[in-house]
Structures are given as structure tokens and as C-alpha cells.
Protein backbone atom coordinates (compact mmCIF):
# COMPACT_ATOMS: atom_id res chain seq x y z
CA MET A 1 150.11 88.20 155.28
CA GLY A 2 151.66 85.81 152.98
CA ALA A 3 151.28 83.08 155.63
CA LEU A 4 147.62 83.62 155.80
CA ALA A 5 147.35 83.61 152.20
CA HIS A 6 149.22 80.68 151.72
CA GLN A 7 146.72 78.85 154.69
CA SER A 8 143.40 80.26 153.05
CA LEU A 9 144.76 78.52 149.70
CA ALA A 10 145.35 75.30 151.38
CA CYS A 11 142.02 75.38 152.94
CA GLN A 12 140.32 75.89 149.67
CA ARG A 13 142.23 73.05 148.27
CA ARG A 14 141.22 70.85 151.09
CA TRP A 15 137.37 71.50 150.97
CA ARG A 16 136.59 72.46 147.41
CA PRO A 17 136.33 68.62 146.18
CA TRP A 18 133.56 67.42 148.78
CA PRO A 19 130.50 69.24 147.44
CA VAL A 20 131.57 67.34 143.83
CA ARG A 21 131.64 64.20 146.34
CA PHE A 22 128.36 64.68 147.74
CA LEU A 23 126.52 65.54 144.27
CA LEU A 24 128.22 62.41 142.75
CA PHE A 25 126.93 60.59 145.89
CA LEU A 26 123.57 61.90 145.53
CA ALA A 27 123.42 61.67 141.54
CA PRO A 28 122.10 57.69 141.47
CA ALA A 29 119.26 58.66 144.21
CA VAL A 30 118.20 61.85 142.10
CA LEU A 31 118.40 60.00 139.00
CA ALA A 32 116.29 56.91 140.42
CA SER A 33 113.75 59.75 141.73
CA VAL A 34 113.14 61.16 138.49
CA THR A 35 113.36 58.09 136.14
CA SER A 36 110.70 56.36 138.61
CA LEU A 37 108.30 59.80 137.96
CA SER A 38 109.00 59.53 134.24
CA HIS A 39 107.61 56.04 134.33
CA GLY A 40 104.84 57.01 136.45
CA ALA A 41 103.65 59.68 134.29
CA SER A 42 104.18 57.19 131.09
CA ALA A 43 102.07 54.65 132.63
CA SER A 44 99.14 57.13 133.61
CA GLU A 45 99.33 58.32 129.97
CA ALA A 46 99.39 54.64 128.45
CA PHE A 47 96.13 53.62 130.59
CA PRO A 48 93.92 55.77 128.42
CA ASP A 49 95.55 54.59 125.25
CA LEU A 50 94.70 51.33 126.21
CA VAL A 51 91.28 51.78 126.99
CA ASP A 52 90.68 53.24 123.55
CA ARG A 53 92.50 50.20 121.74
CA VAL A 54 89.76 47.66 124.06
CA ARG A 55 86.85 50.10 123.51
CA PRO A 56 86.31 49.15 119.82
CA ALA A 57 85.85 45.65 120.68
CA ILE A 58 83.00 45.78 123.43
CA VAL A 59 79.17 45.45 122.52
CA ALA A 60 76.49 45.44 124.34
CA VAL A 61 74.40 42.06 123.85
CA GLY A 62 70.75 41.27 124.11
CA ALA A 63 67.77 40.84 121.45
CA ALA A 64 66.12 43.46 118.80
CA TYR A 65 63.57 43.49 116.44
CA PRO A 66 64.00 43.99 112.92
CA ARG A 67 63.47 47.77 112.01
CA ARG A 68 59.81 48.87 110.53
CA GLN A 69 58.65 45.44 112.44
CA PRO A 70 55.05 46.16 113.86
CA ILE A 71 55.77 45.36 117.52
CA GLY A 72 52.85 47.38 119.56
CA ASP A 73 53.95 49.03 122.91
CA ARG A 74 57.37 46.22 123.07
CA ALA A 75 60.59 47.91 122.95
CA PRO A 76 62.63 47.49 119.77
CA TYR A 77 65.60 46.10 121.78
CA ARG A 78 66.63 45.00 125.06
CA ILE A 79 70.23 44.68 126.43
CA ARG A 80 71.29 42.43 129.01
CA GLY A 81 74.73 42.27 129.23
CA THR A 82 78.12 42.77 127.57
CA GLY A 83 80.49 41.03 125.19
CA PHE A 84 83.71 41.36 123.41
CA ALA A 85 85.04 40.24 119.95
CA VAL A 86 87.52 37.81 119.14
CA ARG A 87 89.09 35.73 116.54
CA ASP A 88 88.33 37.28 113.16
CA GLY A 89 86.36 40.09 114.88
CA LEU A 90 83.06 38.49 113.86
CA HIS A 91 82.95 35.94 117.07
CA ILE A 92 81.61 37.43 120.23
CA VAL A 93 81.99 36.05 123.76
CA THR A 94 79.64 36.55 126.68
CA ASN A 95 77.89 34.99 129.44
CA ASP A 96 75.36 32.20 128.50
CA HIS A 97 73.22 33.92 131.00
CA VAL A 98 72.97 36.98 129.24
CA LEU A 99 71.44 35.44 126.24
CA PRO A 100 67.66 36.10 126.16
CA ASP A 101 65.23 33.23 127.70
CA LYS A 102 62.93 33.46 125.09
CA LEU A 103 62.50 35.39 121.85
CA ASP A 104 59.37 36.62 120.14
CA THR A 105 59.75 34.49 117.07
CA ASP A 106 56.31 35.76 115.97
CA ARG A 107 57.76 39.21 115.35
CA ARG A 108 61.22 38.06 114.30
CA GLU A 109 62.67 38.99 117.06
CA THR A 110 66.63 37.61 117.19
CA ILE A 111 69.67 37.72 119.82
CA ALA A 112 71.36 41.00 118.91
CA VAL A 113 74.63 42.67 119.30
CA PHE A 114 75.19 46.52 119.56
CA VAL A 115 78.64 47.71 118.06
CA GLY A 116 79.81 51.35 118.22
CA ARG A 117 79.31 54.02 120.60
CA GLY A 118 76.51 56.62 121.32
CA ARG A 119 74.79 57.69 118.50
CA GLU A 120 76.70 55.70 115.95
CA ALA A 121 75.66 52.51 117.57
CA GLN A 122 74.43 49.74 115.20
CA VAL A 123 72.21 46.86 115.58
CA ARG A 124 73.37 43.21 114.09
CA PRO A 125 71.58 40.17 113.97
CA ALA A 126 73.92 36.77 116.11
CA ARG A 127 73.85 33.51 115.69
CA LEU A 128 74.49 31.26 118.74
CA LEU A 129 77.24 29.01 117.79
CA ALA A 130 78.46 27.19 120.96
CA ARG A 131 77.40 27.15 124.46
CA ASP A 132 79.38 26.21 127.58
CA GLU A 133 76.60 26.40 130.48
CA ASP A 134 78.79 24.34 133.19
CA HIS A 135 80.88 27.58 132.83
CA ASP A 136 77.95 30.08 131.97
CA LEU A 137 79.66 31.15 128.46
CA ALA A 138 78.53 31.56 125.23
CA LEU A 139 79.96 32.33 121.38
CA LEU A 140 77.74 34.49 119.10
CA GLN A 141 78.78 34.90 115.52
CA ILE A 142 77.50 38.11 113.58
CA ASP A 143 77.85 39.21 109.94
CA GLY A 144 79.53 42.95 108.62
CA GLU A 145 82.47 44.74 109.26
CA PRO A 146 84.94 42.65 111.61
CA LEU A 147 85.27 44.43 114.81
CA ALA A 148 88.62 45.00 116.95
CA ILE A 149 90.01 42.09 119.03
CA LEU A 150 90.90 41.59 122.55
CA PRO A 151 94.71 39.37 122.37
CA LEU A 152 94.24 36.35 124.69
CA ALA A 153 97.15 36.09 127.33
CA ASP A 154 98.55 33.33 129.23
CA ASP A 155 96.24 32.10 130.87
CA LYS A 156 98.40 29.99 133.35
CA ALA A 157 100.35 32.98 134.23
CA VAL A 158 97.70 35.02 135.94
CA ARG A 159 98.78 35.87 139.43
CA GLU A 160 97.23 37.31 142.48
CA GLY A 161 97.81 41.25 142.59
CA GLU A 162 98.47 41.49 138.96
CA ALA A 163 96.52 44.84 137.82
CA ILE A 164 93.55 44.69 135.56
CA ALA A 165 90.19 46.24 134.11
CA ILE A 166 87.14 45.35 132.70
CA THR A 167 85.23 47.68 130.15
CA GLY A 168 81.27 47.01 129.55
CA PHE A 169 77.92 48.21 129.82
CA PRO A 170 77.24 48.29 134.02
CA ILE A 171 73.54 49.62 133.86
CA GLY A 172 73.08 48.43 130.17
CA ALA A 173 71.97 51.27 127.59
CA VAL A 174 70.24 53.64 130.16
CA LEU A 175 72.67 56.49 129.70
CA GLY A 176 73.18 55.43 125.94
CA PHE A 177 75.67 53.39 124.08
CA PHE A 178 78.92 54.42 126.42
CA PRO A 179 81.14 51.50 127.78
CA ALA A 180 82.47 52.23 130.94
CA THR A 181 85.51 50.97 132.17
CA HIS A 182 86.52 50.24 135.76
CA ARG A 183 90.10 48.98 137.11
CA GLY A 184 91.24 47.00 139.93
CA PHE A 185 93.55 43.74 140.62
CA VAL A 186 93.19 40.00 140.86
CA ALA A 187 92.31 39.64 144.55
CA ALA A 188 92.71 35.70 144.87
CA LEU A 189 92.23 32.56 142.60
CA THR A 190 89.80 30.71 144.29
CA PRO A 191 87.82 27.64 143.79
CA MET A 192 84.45 28.23 142.66
CA ALA A 193 82.74 25.93 145.40
CA ARG A 194 84.58 25.54 148.41
CA ALA A 195 84.81 22.16 150.46
CA ALA A 196 83.08 24.12 153.40
CA ASP A 197 79.86 24.42 151.05
CA ARG A 198 79.17 20.95 150.67
CA GLY A 199 76.09 21.11 153.04
CA ARG A 200 72.56 20.86 153.17
CA GLN A 201 72.03 24.64 152.30
CA LEU A 202 73.05 23.96 149.09
CA SER A 203 70.54 23.32 146.10
CA ALA A 204 70.44 20.42 143.80
CA VAL A 205 71.74 22.21 140.79
CA GLN A 206 74.24 23.67 142.96
CA ARG A 207 75.52 20.16 144.23
CA ALA A 208 75.34 19.28 140.48
CA ARG A 209 78.14 21.84 140.08
CA LEU A 210 80.16 20.53 142.85
CA ARG A 211 80.83 17.24 140.86
CA ASP A 212 83.19 19.32 138.42
CA PRO A 213 84.41 22.38 140.37
CA PHE A 214 86.81 24.77 138.83
CA ASP A 215 88.84 27.98 139.89
CA VAL A 216 87.83 31.45 139.65
CA TYR A 217 89.10 34.79 139.75
CA GLN A 218 88.02 37.06 142.59
CA LEU A 219 88.63 40.60 141.57
CA ASP A 220 89.08 43.89 143.77
CA ILE A 221 86.67 45.76 141.13
CA VAL A 222 83.25 47.01 140.89
CA ALA A 223 80.95 45.20 138.66
CA TYR A 224 77.23 45.79 138.20
CA PRO A 225 74.52 43.66 136.61
CA GLY A 226 75.51 45.01 133.10
CA ASN A 227 79.13 43.94 133.39
CA SER A 228 78.15 40.19 133.17
CA GLY A 229 80.15 39.11 129.89
CA SER A 230 82.78 41.65 130.10
CA PRO A 231 86.04 41.11 129.30
CA VAL A 232 88.87 40.94 132.10
CA TYR A 233 92.24 42.04 130.62
CA ARG A 234 95.54 43.00 131.87
CA VAL A 235 96.38 46.90 132.59
CA VAL A 236 100.05 46.03 131.12
CA ASP A 237 98.81 44.99 127.59
CA GLY A 238 95.14 44.76 127.17
CA ALA A 239 95.47 40.97 126.89
CA LEU A 240 92.11 39.02 127.98
CA ILE A 241 92.62 37.05 131.38
CA GLY A 242 88.94 35.76 131.93
CA VAL A 243 85.13 37.01 131.70
CA VAL A 244 83.27 38.85 134.46
CA ASN A 245 80.62 36.76 135.82
CA SER A 246 79.18 37.48 139.32
CA VAL A 247 75.46 35.82 138.93
CA PHE A 248 76.51 32.39 138.11
CA VAL A 249 79.20 32.10 140.73
CA LYS A 250 77.47 33.75 143.50
CA GLU A 251 74.85 31.17 143.17
CA SER A 252 77.53 28.53 144.10
CA ARG A 253 79.70 30.40 146.57
CA GLU A 254 77.30 33.32 148.07
CA SER A 255 73.88 31.69 148.08
CA ALA A 256 73.83 31.00 151.72
CA LEU A 257 74.07 34.73 152.61
CA THR A 258 71.54 36.76 153.26
CA SER A 259 72.58 40.02 151.72
CA PRO A 260 75.50 38.54 149.11
CA SER A 261 78.88 40.54 148.99
CA GLY A 262 79.91 43.14 146.29
CA ILE A 263 83.10 40.79 145.20
CA THR A 264 83.39 40.31 141.20
CA TYR A 265 84.20 37.12 139.98
CA ALA A 266 85.51 36.35 136.55
CA ILE A 267 85.51 33.23 134.65
CA PRO A 268 89.13 32.45 133.48
CA LEU A 269 90.44 32.38 129.83
CA ARG A 270 91.01 28.71 129.75
CA HIS A 271 87.27 27.99 129.43
CA VAL A 272 87.02 30.74 126.87
CA GLN A 273 89.28 28.78 124.45
CA ALA A 274 87.82 25.44 125.43
CA LEU A 275 84.70 26.85 124.10
CA LEU A 276 86.53 28.27 120.91
CA THR A 277 87.88 25.09 120.12
CA GLN A 278 84.34 23.48 120.75
CA ALA A 279 83.21 25.74 117.80
CA THR A 280 86.30 25.44 115.60
CA GLY A 281 84.95 21.41 115.81
CA ALA A 282 81.36 22.35 114.91
CA GLU A 283 82.10 24.68 112.21
CA ALA A 284 84.26 22.05 110.43
CA ASP A 285 81.76 19.06 110.77
CA SER A 286 78.93 21.50 109.14
């Protein structure tokens, strides 16, 4: 019996450390897995917070009549697209084609920006400060309490595959003043006009644009007509990288298609910055 007890004790001493070694071997993998899950949960929780921070900077852009202005059977306002606040919160960036083609000046209709959400939405008259028809951008100015603003990203650091989001009014105010957010990524950095596009099928206007081509962002994201002028911002920090624009770009890139694709394009931030610089010079001269 003494020999058997001695043999049993020896076996215990020999095999007892293995479970500990095994657990130590697995520890880094287990820790990495837990950390990954923790980071995933944090990222998922952070995006709603980001949307809450971006939403107050988003506005609808269109035209409106003053209150109590006799307008007959005309609608008191019309929404044509989206915009967002920059600088001091009183400057609004949007697409140039979003601005009304014609205003009913006899009845004091003006360009208007719609701020707020739902029943708290307010109408503010807007003034056109600067426009860049080549890149289909416009800068407006409003009065009143400043809005939240979007920070500007490093335009040169945008990469294909980068996670982005857009917030705007995809179908105008059909369902009320509730901006919607869509999430995707930068699919490609592509020229607005390709060499293969230089053919007879292009109109005179499109050929004129080819004289000064520029790159645009192709986005893997769904956008609708009301999203024109919506900000494209990074999911990681909410910094602005561009402005949604499908109509203008598709006139150059996809006009030859019988049924244009649902691809969304965006004008890079550098052209917004140039417009802001142009407006600063104009304000200084006035």
C-alpha cells in the first residue's frame, strides 16, 4: 500500500501543473476575445450618440412665404433638399441645384432654411452668400440662435473603405421634419469625368465640365433626391468629408445610361473649404 500511495502522489505532482499551463496558454486568446466584444459594444453604442450630436446641425433647404402673407392656394413652404451648419452655426452649406430656380418675389417668398425637428421646426429666411456652380455648392447665411456645427476633416486623409454616414431629408418633409441617417462606406475615389466619357454622347454643358474635371467620392450608401446637400461624415468622429450630390455628378458620369444606377456620389470637402474662403473674401470686401 505504501508503494501505491507513493506512486499516486507522484502522478498528482506530475499532472497537476498542466491545467494551469493550459489556462495560461488560453488566457491571451480569451482576453482578446473579451476585449473585442467589449470594443464592438462600445462602437455600437457610440454611433447613436454621434447621430444625436450631428442631427442639430442638419437643416432642410427650400423656400417659404412670410407668416400671414396672402398666397392663395400656394403652399406656405417647399423643401428642395438638405443643408448643414458650419463656421459660427449661422452659415449653411448645400447644393447649388437645391436652391429655388425662381422665387415669388411679389408675395415676398424667400430662400428658407428649416431648423429643428418635428413640431419644433422653425423657418428662417436665408441669404445667398456665395455659390460654386462648377461644383454645385452654395453657402447661405441665417440669423437667430447659432446651430450646432460639423467639424471639418482632413480632406487628404479620406480612404476607400472608410466608414461614413449621411443625415438629411431623403423625401423632404413628406413625413414631417425628421432627418434620417444612413450608414455606409467610401467605395471609390473616382474622376467626375472619365476619359471614356469624352464622346459625342456628351452634351455641350457636360463637355464644358470636362475642361476642369475633379475627383468625387463614390459611396456605398443609399441616398434619395432630398439628400442632395446632406453632409458625408466619418463614423469614427463625425468630421465632415464631403457633400452628397447625385444629380450633378450623374449628369456627367451616367447620362449615357438608360436607367441611371443607384450609386451615390459626394463632392469632396476641399471644394466646400474653397467656397468658405471665397465667402470670407467677399464679406471682407463689403
